Amino acid sequence: MAYQRDDLKIEFKGVLGFDSTMINKPAPNDIPIPDFQARNMRTFDIKPIDD
């Protein structure tokens, strides 16, 4: 549950992959619309940052 906050800041260690995934956005008729490509990441460690 530590990751379910609106103001969450995280730190992670990982690498960017060479492939990417299409990110879709919702449309009024519930059919996804392609929006942009994002590079895939492989994460090794993730933790919340306390201010």
PDB file of N, CA and C in Angstrom:
ATOM      1  N   MET A   1       0.806  -1.201   0.000  1.00  0.00           N
ATOM      2  CA  MET A   1       0.000   0.000   0.000  1.00  0.00           C
ATOM      3  C   MET A   1       0.853   1.272   0.000  1.00  0.00           C
ATOM      4  N   ALA A   2       2.170   1.129   0.174  1.00  0.00           N
ATOM      5  CA  ALA A   2       3.048   2.301   0.219  1.00  0.00           C
ATOM      6  C   ALA A   2       3.078   3.042  -1.114  1.00  0.00           C
ATOM      7  N   TYR A   3       2.691   2.372  -2.203  1.00  0.00           N
ATOM      8  CA  TYR A   3       2.761   2.993  -3.527  1.00  0.00           C
ATOM      9  C   TYR A   3       1.431   3.581  -3.976  1.00  0.00           C
ATOM     10  N   GLN A   4       0.415   3.581  -3.141  1.00  0.00           N
ATOM     11  CA  GLN A   4      -0.903   4.074  -3.535  1.00  0.00           C
ATOM     12  C   GLN A   4      -1.190   5.424  -2.886  1.00  0.00           C
ATOM     13  N   ARG A   5      -0.380   6.437  -3.284  1.00  0.00           N
ATOM     14  CA  ARG A   5      -0.565   7.803  -2.805  1.00  0.00           C
ATOM     15  C   ARG A   5      -0.509   8.741  -3.997  1.00  0.00           C
ATOM     16  N   ASP A   6      -1.282   9.823  -3.943  1.00  0.00           N
ATOM     17  CA  ASP A   6      -1.282  10.784  -5.036  1.00  0.00           C
ATOM     18  C   ASP A   6       0.021  11.564  -5.138  1.00  0.00           C
ATOM     19  N   ASP A   7       0.647  11.862  -4.011  1.00  0.00           N
ATOM     20  CA  ASP A   7       1.853  12.695  -4.005  1.00  0.00           C
ATOM     21  C   ASP A   7       3.136  11.870  -3.927  1.00  0.00           C
ATOM     22  N   LEU A   8       3.102  10.635  -4.360  1.00  0.00           N
ATOM     23  CA  LEU A   8       4.216   9.707  -4.218  1.00  0.00           C
ATOM     24  C   LEU A   8       5.383  10.074  -5.125  1.00  0.00           C
ATOM     25  N   LYS A   9       6.582  10.072  -4.537  1.00  0.00           N
ATOM     26  CA  LYS A   9       7.815  10.197  -5.306  1.00  0.00           C
ATOM     27  C   LYS A   9       8.557   8.885  -5.128  1.00  0.00           C
ATOM     28  N   ILE A  10       9.096   8.362  -6.231  1.00  0.00           N
ATOM     29  CA  ILE A  10       9.799   7.081  -6.157  1.00  0.00           C
ATOM     30  C   ILE A  10      11.198   7.205  -6.722  1.00  0.00           C
ATOM     31  N   GLU A  11      12.046   6.289  -6.317  1.00  0.00           N
ATOM     32  CA  GLU A  11      13.388   6.146  -6.867  1.00  0.00           C
ATOM     33  C   GLU A  11      13.493   4.714  -7.359  1.00  0.00           C
ATOM     34  N   PHE A  12      14.025   4.535  -8.552  1.00  0.00           N
ATOM     35  CA  PHE A  12      14.193   3.170  -9.022  1.00  0.00           C
ATOM     36  C   PHE A  12      15.508   3.016  -9.749  1.00  0.00           C
ATOM     37  N   LYS A  13      15.994   1.797  -9.742  1.00  0.00           N
ATOM     38  CA  LYS A  13      17.191   1.433 -10.486  1.00  0.00           C
ATOM     39  C   LYS A  13      16.737   0.505 -11.602  1.00  0.00           C
ATOM     40  N   GLY A  14      17.213   0.768 -12.798  1.00  0.00           N
ATOM     41  CA  GLY A  14      16.819  -0.065 -13.918  1.00  0.00           C
ATOM     42  C   GLY A  14      17.532   0.357 -15.185  1.00  0.00           C
ATOM     43  N   VAL A  15      17.115  -0.238 -16.281  1.00  0.00           N
ATOM     44  CA  VAL A  15      17.700   0.066 -17.586  1.00  0.00           C
ATOM     45  C   VAL A  15      16.581   0.265 -18.602  1.00  0.00           C
ATOM     46  N   LEU A  16      16.836   1.148 -19.575  1.00  0.00           N
ATOM     47  CA  LEU A  16      15.903   1.332 -20.674  1.00  0.00           C
ATOM     48  C   LEU A  16      16.103   0.215 -21.678  1.00  0.00           C
ATOM     49  N   GLY A  17      15.012  -0.333 -22.171  1.00  0.00           N
ATOM     50  CA  GLY A  17      15.094  -1.368 -23.190  1.00  0.00           C
ATOM     51  C   GLY A  17      15.226  -0.762 -24.575  1.00  0.00           C
ATOM     52  N   PHE A  18      15.452  -1.611 -25.559  1.00  0.00           N
ATOM     53  CA  PHE A  18      15.568  -1.156 -26.946  1.00  0.00           C
ATOM     54  C   PHE A  18      14.214  -1.156 -27.649  1.00  0.00           C
ATOM     55  N   ASP A  19      13.201  -1.778 -27.016  1.00  0.00           N
ATOM     56  CA  ASP A  19      11.872  -1.840 -27.620  1.00  0.00           C
ATOM     57  C   ASP A  19      10.953  -0.823 -26.945  1.00  0.00           C
ATOM     58  N   SER A  20       9.766  -0.662 -27.485  1.00  0.00           N
ATOM     59  CA  SER A  20       8.816   0.298 -26.933  1.00  0.00           C
ATOM     60  C   SER A  20       7.403  -0.263 -27.006  1.00  0.00           C
ATOM     61  N   THR A  21       6.500   0.406 -26.302  1.00  0.00           N
ATOM     62  CA  THR A  21       5.103   0.007 -26.239  1.00  0.00           C
ATOM     63  C   THR A  21       4.227   1.201 -26.605  1.00  0.00           C
ATOM     64  N   MET A  22       3.175   0.965 -27.385  1.00  0.00           N
ATOM     65  CA  MET A  22       2.242   2.028 -27.729  1.00  0.00           C
ATOM     66  C   MET A  22       1.358   2.308 -26.518  1.00  0.00           C
ATOM     67  N   ILE A  23       1.262   3.573 -26.132  1.00  0.00           N
ATOM     68  CA  ILE A  23       0.388   3.997 -25.044  1.00  0.00           C
ATOM     69  C   ILE A  23      -0.887   4.543 -25.668  1.00  0.00           C
ATOM     70  N   ASN A  24      -2.015   4.030 -25.225  1.00  0.00           N
ATOM     71  CA  ASN A  24      -3.310   4.457 -25.760  1.00  0.00           C
ATOM     72  C   ASN A  24      -4.002   5.393 -24.787  1.00  0.00           C
ATOM     73  N   LYS A  25      -4.880   6.227 -25.319  1.00  0.00           N
ATOM     74  CA  LYS A  25      -5.703   7.072 -24.466  1.00  0.00           C
ATOM     75  C   LYS A  25      -7.160   6.708 -24.696  1.00  0.00           C
ATOM     76  N   PRO A  26      -8.011   6.928 -23.709  1.00  0.00           N
ATOM     77  CA  PRO A  26      -9.422   6.574 -23.866  1.00  0.00           C
ATOM     78  C   PRO A  26     -10.122   7.531 -24.831  1.00  0.00           C
ATOM     79  N   ALA A  27     -11.134   7.023 -25.483  1.00  0.00           N
ATOM     80  CA  ALA A  27     -11.956   7.824 -26.381  1.00  0.00           C
ATOM     81  C   ALA A  27     -13.394   7.799 -25.872  1.00  0.00           C
ATOM     82  N   PRO A  28     -14.210   8.732 -26.308  1.00  0.00           N
ATOM     83  CA  PRO A  28     -15.610   8.763 -25.850  1.00  0.00           C
ATOM     84  C   PRO A  28     -16.383   7.476 -26.147  1.00  0.00           C
ATOM     85  N   ASN A  29     -16.009   6.757 -27.200  1.00  0.00           N
ATOM     86  CA  ASN A  29     -16.726   5.526 -27.557  1.00  0.00           C
ATOM     87  C   ASN A  29     -16.061   4.277 -26.966  1.00  0.00           C
ATOM     88  N   ASP A  30     -15.130   4.450 -26.025  1.00  0.00           N
ATOM     89  CA  ASP A  30     -14.427   3.362 -25.333  1.00  0.00           C
ATOM     90  C   ASP A  30     -13.496   2.546 -26.225  1.00  0.00           C
ATOM     91  N   ILE A  31     -13.198   3.025 -27.403  1.00  0.00           N
ATOM     92  CA  ILE A  31     -12.205   2.375 -28.257  1.00  0.00           C
ATOM     93  C   ILE A  31     -10.891   3.128 -28.065  1.00  0.00           C
ATOM     94  N   PRO A  32      -9.832   2.446 -27.601  1.00  0.00           N
ATOM     95  CA  PRO A  32      -8.565   3.147 -27.339  1.00  0.00           C
ATOM     96  C   PRO A  32      -7.990   3.795 -28.605  1.00  0.00           C
ATOM     97  N   ILE A  33      -7.409   4.975 -28.413  1.00  0.00           N
ATOM     98  CA  ILE A  33      -6.769   5.707 -29.499  1.00  0.00           C
ATOM     99  C   ILE A  33      -5.269   5.719 -29.237  1.00  0.00           C
ATOM    100  N   PRO A  34      -4.444   5.271 -30.197  1.00  0.00           N
ATOM    101  CA  PRO A  34      -2.992   5.337 -29.999  1.00  0.00           C
ATOM    102  C   PRO A  34      -2.562   6.777 -29.735  1.00  0.00           C
ATOM    103  N   ASP A  35      -1.708   6.984 -28.718  1.00  0.00           N
ATOM    104  CA  ASP A  35      -1.310   8.337 -28.330  1.00  0.00           C
ATOM    105  C   ASP A  35       0.190   8.566 -28.528  1.00  0.00           C
ATOM    106  N   PHE A  36       1.035   7.710 -27.959  1.00  0.00           N
ATOM    107  CA  PHE A  36       2.475   7.876 -28.122  1.00  0.00           C
ATOM    108  C   PHE A  36       3.198   6.572 -27.807  1.00  0.00           C
ATOM    109  N   GLN A  37       4.455   6.470 -28.225  1.00  0.00           N
ATOM    110  CA  GLN A  37       5.302   5.316 -27.939  1.00  0.00           C
ATOM    111  C   GLN A  37       6.144   5.625 -26.696  1.00  0.00           C
ATOM    112  N   ALA A  38       6.306   4.664 -25.821  1.00  0.00           N
ATOM    113  CA  ALA A  38       7.161   4.813 -24.644  1.00  0.00           C
ATOM    114  C   ALA A  38       8.164   3.658 -24.615  1.00  0.00           C
ATOM    115  N   ARG A  39       9.410   3.981 -24.336  1.00  0.00           N
ATOM    116  CA  ARG A  39      10.422   2.926 -24.248  1.00  0.00           C
ATOM    117  C   ARG A  39      10.165   2.065 -23.025  1.00  0.00           C
ATOM    118  N   ASN A  40      10.357   0.778 -23.173  1.00  0.00           N
ATOM    119  CA  ASN A  40      10.188  -0.153 -22.064  1.00  0.00           C
ATOM    120  C   ASN A  40      11.376  -0.050 -21.120  1.00  0.00           C
ATOM    121  N   MET A  41      11.119  -0.269 -19.832  1.00  0.00           N
ATOM    122  CA  MET A  41      12.163  -0.238 -18.818  1.00  0.00           C
ATOM    123  C   MET A  41      12.140  -1.535 -18.031  1.00  0.00           C
ATOM    124  N   ARG A  42      13.312  -1.979 -17.624  1.00  0.00           N
ATOM    125  CA  ARG A  42      13.427  -3.105 -16.703  1.00  0.00           C
ATOM    126  C   ARG A  42      13.882  -2.551 -15.372  1.00  0.00           C
ATOM    127  N   THR A  43      13.076  -2.692 -14.351  1.00  0.00           N
ATOM    128  CA  THR A  43      13.446  -2.164 -13.040  1.00  0.00           C
ATOM    129  C   THR A  43      13.987  -3.276 -12.158  1.00  0.00           C
ATOM    130  N   PHE A  44      14.968  -2.925 -11.359  1.00  0.00           N
ATOM    131  CA  PHE A  44      15.599  -3.880 -10.448  1.00  0.00           C
ATOM    132  C   PHE A  44      15.246  -3.583  -8.999  1.00  0.00           C
ATOM    133  N   ASP A  45      14.991  -2.334  -8.692  1.00  0.00           N
ATOM    134  CA  ASP A  45      14.695  -1.924  -7.323  1.00  0.00           C
ATOM    135  C   ASP A  45      13.834  -0.678  -7.389  1.00  0.00           C
ATOM    136  N   ILE A  46      12.825  -0.612  -6.545  1.00  0.00           N
ATOM    137  CA  ILE A  46      11.961   0.567  -6.497  1.00  0.00           C
ATOM    138  C   ILE A  46      11.624   0.837  -5.039  1.00  0.00           C
ATOM    139  N   LYS A  47      11.673   2.128  -4.654  1.00  0.00           N
ATOM    140  CA  LYS A  47      11.341   2.460  -3.280  1.00  0.00           C
ATOM    141  C   LYS A  47      10.767   3.871  -3.223  1.00  0.00           C
ATOM    142  N   PRO A  48       9.853   4.137  -2.277  1.00  0.00           N
ATOM    143  CA  PRO A  48       9.316   5.480  -2.105  1.00  0.00           C
ATOM    144  C   PRO A  48      10.370   6.397  -1.489  1.00  0.00           C
ATOM    145  N   ILE A  49      10.304   7.673  -1.846  1.00  0.00           N
ATOM    146  CA  ILE A  49      11.206   8.681  -1.295  1.00  0.00           C
ATOM    147  C   ILE A  49      10.419   9.505  -0.292  1.00  0.00           C
ATOM    148  N   ASP A  50      10.922   9.606   0.915  1.00  0.00           N
ATOM    149  CA  ASP A  50      10.298  10.448   1.937  1.00  0.00           C
ATOM    150  C   ASP A  50      10.970  11.815   1.920  1.00  0.00           C
ATOM    151  N   ASP A  51      10.171  12.856   1.849  1.00  0.00           N
ATOM    152  CA  ASP A  51      10.731  14.230   1.845  1.00  0.00           C
ATOM    153  C   ASP A  51      11.141  14.651   3.228  1.00  0.00           C
TER     154      ASP A  51
END
